[in-house]
C-alpha atoms as a PDB file:
ATOM      1  CA  SER A   1      -0.003  -0.092  -0.247  1.00  0.00           C
ATOM      2  CA  MET A   2       1.060   3.484  -0.724  1.00  0.00           C
ATOM      3  CA  PRO A   3       2.703   5.680   2.127  1.00  0.00           C
ATOM      4  CA  GLU A   4       0.366   8.695   3.122  1.00  0.00           C
ATOM      5  CA  LEU A   5       0.580  11.517   5.592  1.00  0.00           C
ATOM      6  CA  ILE A   6      -2.095  11.919   8.285  1.00  0.00           C
ATOM      7  CA  LEU A   7      -3.449  15.339   8.595  1.00  0.00           C
ATOM      8  CA  THR A   8      -6.283  16.616  10.479  1.00  0.00           C
ATOM      9  CA  LYS A   9      -8.840  19.274  10.052  1.00  0.00           C
ATOM     10  CA  ARG A  10      -9.204  21.546  13.065  1.00  0.00           C
ATOM     11  CA  HIS A  11     -13.001  21.876  14.204  1.00  0.00           C
ATOM     12  CA  GLN A  12     -14.529  25.236  12.888  1.00  0.00           C
ATOM     13  CA  LYS A  13     -15.433  26.274  16.429  1.00  0.00           C
ATOM     14  CA  LEU A  14     -11.952  26.251  17.754  1.00  0.00           C
ATOM     15  CA  PRO A  15     -10.791  29.786  18.921  1.00  0.00           C
ATOM     16  CA  ASN A  16      -7.456  29.390  17.068  1.00  0.00           C
ATOM     17  CA  HIS A  17      -6.821  28.241  13.452  1.00  0.00           C
ATOM     18  CA  ALA A  18     -10.480  27.100  13.148  1.00  0.00           C
ATOM     19  CA  GLY A  19     -11.217  24.753  10.290  1.00  0.00           C
ATOM     20  CA  GLU A  20      -7.301  24.925   9.215  1.00  0.00           C
ATOM     21  CA  ILE A  21      -5.332  21.853   8.023  1.00  0.00           C
ATOM     22  CA  CYS A  22      -2.445  20.676  10.310  1.00  0.00           C
ATOM     23  CA  PHE A  23      -0.782  17.705  11.604  1.00  0.00           C
ATOM     24  CA  PRO A  24      -1.612  16.165  14.854  1.00  0.00           C
ATOM     25  CA  GLY A  25       0.104  17.859  17.681  1.00  0.00           C
ATOM     26  CA  GLY A  26      -0.044  20.463  20.399  1.00  0.00           C
ATOM     27  CA  PHE A  27       1.552  22.368  23.201  1.00  0.00           C
ATOM     28  CA  TRP A  28       4.211  20.798  25.596  1.00  0.00           C
ATOM     29  CA  GLU A  29       2.722  20.378  29.159  1.00  0.00           C
ATOM     30  CA  ASN A  30       4.838  20.103  32.233  1.00  0.00           C
ATOM     31  CA  SER A  31       4.291  16.364  32.544  1.00  0.00           C
ATOM     32  CA  ASP A  32       5.785  15.763  29.266  1.00  0.00           C
ATOM     33  CA  LYS A  33       9.263  14.584  29.292  1.00  0.00           C
ATOM     34  CA  SER A  34      10.209  15.521  25.825  1.00  0.00           C
ATOM     35  CA  LEU A  35       8.733  17.229  22.758  1.00  0.00           C
ATOM     36  CA  LEU A  36       8.496  13.753  21.222  1.00  0.00           C
ATOM     37  CA  GLU A  37       6.293  12.689  24.188  1.00  0.00           C
ATOM     38  CA  THR A  38       4.198  15.817  23.765  1.00  0.00           C
ATOM     39  CA  ALA A  39       3.671  14.856  19.937  1.00  0.00           C
ATOM     40  CA  ILE A  40       2.573  11.277  20.678  1.00  0.00           C
ATOM     41  CA  ARG A  41       0.189  12.414  23.740  1.00  0.00           C
ATOM     42  CA  GLU A  42      -1.285  14.969  21.653  1.00  0.00           C
ATOM     43  CA  ALA A  43      -2.041  12.453  18.623  1.00  0.00           C
ATOM     44  CA  GLU A  44      -3.416  10.074  21.098  1.00  0.00           C
ATOM     45  CA  GLU A  45      -5.784  12.939  22.519  1.00  0.00           C
ATOM     46  CA  GLU A  46      -6.934  14.217  19.025  1.00  0.00           C
ATOM     47  CA  ILE A  47      -6.995  11.139  16.755  1.00  0.00           C
ATOM     48  CA  GLY A  48      -6.788   8.241  19.298  1.00  0.00           C
ATOM     49  CA  LEU A  49      -3.333   7.157  18.068  1.00  0.00           C
ATOM     50  CA  LYS A  50      -1.935   4.589  20.265  1.00  0.00           C
ATOM     51  CA  THR A  51       1.741   4.938  21.256  1.00  0.00           C
ATOM     52  CA  GLU A  52       2.607   1.506  20.979  1.00  0.00           C
ATOM     53  CA  VAL A  53       1.833   1.599  17.065  1.00  0.00           C
ATOM     54  CA  VAL A  54       4.046   4.500  16.508  1.00  0.00           C
ATOM     55  CA  ARG A  55       7.384   3.777  15.158  1.00  0.00           C
ATOM     56  CA  TYR A  56       9.728   6.819  15.663  1.00  0.00           C
ATOM     57  CA  ILE A  57      11.764   8.072  12.616  1.00  0.00           C
ATOM     58  CA  GLY A  58      13.431  11.210  13.159  1.00  0.00           C
ATOM     59  CA  ALA A  59      12.925  14.963  13.768  1.00  0.00           C
ATOM     60  CA  LEU A  60      12.554  17.747  11.311  1.00  0.00           C
ATOM     61  CA  PRO A  61      14.018  21.144  11.483  1.00  0.00           C
ATOM     62  CA  PRO A  62      11.789  23.489  13.673  1.00  0.00           C
ATOM     63  CA  GLY A  63       9.760  25.853  11.956  1.00  0.00           C
ATOM     64  CA  ALA A  64       7.796  28.746  13.140  1.00  0.00           C
ATOM     65  CA  THR A  65       4.053  29.937  12.363  1.00  0.00           C
ATOM     66  CA  LYS A  66       2.987  33.511  11.537  1.00  0.00           C
ATOM     67  CA  ASN A  67       2.258  34.053  15.240  1.00  0.00           C
ATOM     68  CA  ALA A  68       5.953  32.953  16.112  1.00  0.00           C
ATOM     69  CA  VAL A  69       4.966  29.609  17.793  1.00  0.00           C
ATOM     70  CA  VAL A  70       7.754  27.270  17.155  1.00  0.00           C
ATOM     71  CA  ILE A  71       6.856  24.089  15.695  1.00  0.00           C
ATOM     72  CA  PHE A  72       9.068  20.690  16.407  1.00  0.00           C
ATOM     73  CA  PRO A  73       7.914  18.443  13.734  1.00  0.00           C
ATOM     74  CA  PHE A  74       8.577  14.473  14.304  1.00  0.00           C
ATOM     75  CA  LEU A  75       8.263  12.071  11.509  1.00  0.00           C
ATOM     76  CA  ALA A  76       6.891   8.487  12.804  1.00  0.00           C
ATOM     77  CA  GLU A  77       5.363   5.458  10.840  1.00  0.00           C
ATOM     78  CA  ILE A  78       2.198   3.789  11.799  1.00  0.00           C
ATOM     79  CA  PRO A  79       0.495   0.872  10.479  1.00  0.00           C
ATOM     80  CA  LEU A  80      -2.382   1.610   7.819  1.00  0.00           C
ATOM     81  CA  PRO A  81      -5.365   1.148   7.533  1.00  0.00           C
ATOM     82  CA  TYR A  82      -5.708   2.223  11.264  1.00  0.00           C
ATOM     83  CA  THR A  83      -8.982   2.906  13.193  1.00  0.00           C
ATOM     84  CA  PHE A  84      -8.732   6.381  14.292  1.00  0.00           C
ATOM     85  CA  SER A  85     -10.825   7.844  17.133  1.00  0.00           C
ATOM     86  CA  LEU A  86     -11.337  11.674  16.652  1.00  0.00           C
ATOM     87  CA  ASN A  87     -11.963  14.047  19.676  1.00  0.00           C
ATOM     88  CA  THR A  88     -14.516  15.713  17.686  1.00  0.00           C
ATOM     89  CA  THR A  89     -14.432  18.874  19.887  1.00  0.00           C
ATOM     90  CA  GLU A  90     -11.082  19.419  18.169  1.00  0.00           C
ATOM     91  CA  VAL A  91     -11.053  17.519  14.898  1.00  0.00           C
ATOM     92  CA  GLU A  92     -13.465  17.610  12.163  1.00  0.00           C
ATOM     93  CA  LYS A  93     -11.635  14.984  10.084  1.00  0.00           C
ATOM     94  CA  VAL A  94      -8.496  13.157   9.295  1.00  0.00           C
ATOM     95  CA  ILE A  95      -7.146  13.636   5.578  1.00  0.00           C
ATOM     96  CA  HIS A  96      -5.042  11.078   3.926  1.00  0.00           C
ATOM     97  CA  LEU A  97      -2.410  12.578   1.815  1.00  0.00           C
ATOM     98  CA  PRO A  98      -0.640  10.293  -0.490  1.00  0.00           C
ATOM     99  CA  VAL A  99       2.859  10.800  -0.433  1.00  0.00           C
ATOM    100  CA  PRO A 100       3.178  10.265  -4.434  1.00  0.00           C
ATOM    101  CA  THR A 101       0.405  12.821  -4.725  1.00  0.00           C
ATOM    102  CA  LEU A 102       2.651  15.134  -2.670  1.00  0.00           C
ATOM    103  CA  LEU A 103       5.648  14.385  -4.748  1.00  0.00           C
ATOM    104  CA  GLU A 104       3.672  14.708  -8.102  1.00  0.00           C
ATOM    105  CA  ARG A 105       1.710  18.047  -7.442  1.00  0.00           C
ATOM    106  CA  GLY A 106       4.491  19.625  -5.009  1.00  0.00           C
ATOM    107  CA  ILE A 107       3.714  22.894  -3.375  1.00  0.00           C
ATOM    108  CA  ASP A 108       2.373  26.340  -4.912  1.00  0.00           C
ATOM    109  CA  THR A 109       1.987  29.882  -3.580  1.00  0.00           C
ATOM    110  CA  VAL A 110      -1.514  30.575  -2.392  1.00  0.00           C
ATOM    111  CA  THR A 111      -3.249  33.673  -1.195  1.00  0.00           C
ATOM    112  CA  VAL A 112      -5.231  33.005   1.933  1.00  0.00           C
ATOM    113  CA  HIS A 113      -8.050  35.776   3.171  1.00  0.00           C
ATOM    114  CA  ILE A 114      -8.007  35.916   6.947  1.00  0.00           C
ATOM    115  CA  GLY A 115      -9.844  38.590   8.827  1.00  0.00           C
ATOM    116  CA  GLY A 116      -9.233  41.021   6.531  1.00  0.00           C
ATOM    117  CA  LEU A 117      -5.645  39.975   5.926  1.00  0.00           C
ATOM    118  CA  GLN A 118      -4.133  38.481   2.716  1.00  0.00           C
ATOM    119  CA  ILE A 119      -1.471  36.105   3.573  1.00  0.00           C
ATOM    120  CA  VAL A 120       0.584  34.691   0.795  1.00  0.00           C
ATOM    121  CA  SER A 121       2.004  31.196   1.884  1.00  0.00           C
ATOM    122  CA  PRO A 122       3.257  28.037   0.207  1.00  0.00           C
ATOM    123  CA  GLY A 123       0.104  25.853  -0.217  1.00  0.00           C
ATOM    124  CA  LEU A 124      -1.578  23.188  -1.607  1.00  0.00           C
ATOM    125  CA  HIS A 125      -5.205  22.126  -2.652  1.00  0.00           C
ATOM    126  CA  PHE A 126      -6.348  18.867  -1.878  1.00  0.00           C
ATOM    127  CA  GLU A 127      -9.798  17.021  -1.622  1.00  0.00           C
ATOM    128  CA  GLY A 128     -11.349  20.457  -1.334  1.00  0.00           C
ATOM    129  CA  GLU A 129      -9.169  21.582   1.416  1.00  0.00           C
ATOM    130  CA  LEU A 130      -6.375  24.466   1.403  1.00  0.00           C
ATOM    131  CA  ILE A 131      -3.252  23.179   3.155  1.00  0.00           C
ATOM    132  CA  TRP A 132      -1.162  26.142   3.813  1.00  0.00           C
ATOM    133  CA  GLY A 133       1.040  28.151   6.231  1.00  0.00           C
ATOM    134  CA  ALA A 134       3.173  26.139   8.738  1.00  0.00           C
ATOM    135  CA  THR A 135       1.763  22.757   7.679  1.00  0.00           C
ATOM    136  CA  ALA A 136       2.533  23.502   4.170  1.00  0.00           C
ATOM    137  CA  LYS A 137       6.133  24.285   4.834  1.00  0.00           C
ATOM    138  CA  ILE A 138       6.591  21.191   6.724  1.00  0.00           C
ATOM    139  CA  LEU A 139       5.338  19.350   3.635  1.00  0.00           C
ATOM    140  CA  LEU A 140       8.026  21.214   1.652  1.00  0.00           C
ATOM    141  CA  GLN A 141      10.658  19.915   4.104  1.00  0.00           C
ATOM    142  CA  LEU A 142       9.009  16.357   3.553  1.00  0.00           C
ATOM    143  CA  ILE A 143       9.276  16.643  -0.388  1.00  0.00           C
ATOM    144  CA  SER A 144      12.983  17.214   0.074  1.00  0.00           C
ATOM    145  CA  GLU A 145      13.513  14.525   2.607  1.00  0.00           C
ATOM    146  CA  PHE A 146      11.167  12.101   0.362  1.00  0.00           C
ATOM    147  CA  SER A 147      13.237  13.146  -2.847  1.00  0.00           C
ATOM    148  CA  GLY A 148      16.666  12.742  -1.104  1.00  0.00           C
ATOM    149  CA  VAL A 149      17.614  16.421  -1.698  1.00  0.00           C
ATOM    150  CA  GLU A 150      19.313  17.975   0.985  1.00  0.00           C
END
């Protein structure tokens, strides 16, 4: 089966980044022993991903959002198909982005209209959704990883 990336669509009613497409994840808490533990805990809270199925691969370089939040992306492998159980107050749906589709289509430049602002960002239209911002920047990093280009 073809490898795919698991993204989530944030719930429309959330105070921050409502309806945006992102990777599972969230903020570090004092009880987390590491940022990797944060990522795994948040993925379990958001999409019901059980720790024991996660095979850690490595970390990508940190990146910042437009609000200067620093994101530490981790790459891990899980067996698919997997039965996700969504925390529906946070996550509207899971999006399965096949890696070959990402490599074939690449990332474009898009203009996003938010609260009267126009933001020009890397982006990708997929299954009626617009993936942009920090998530699209991480996809750019993944494209270069998967292509073996430094």
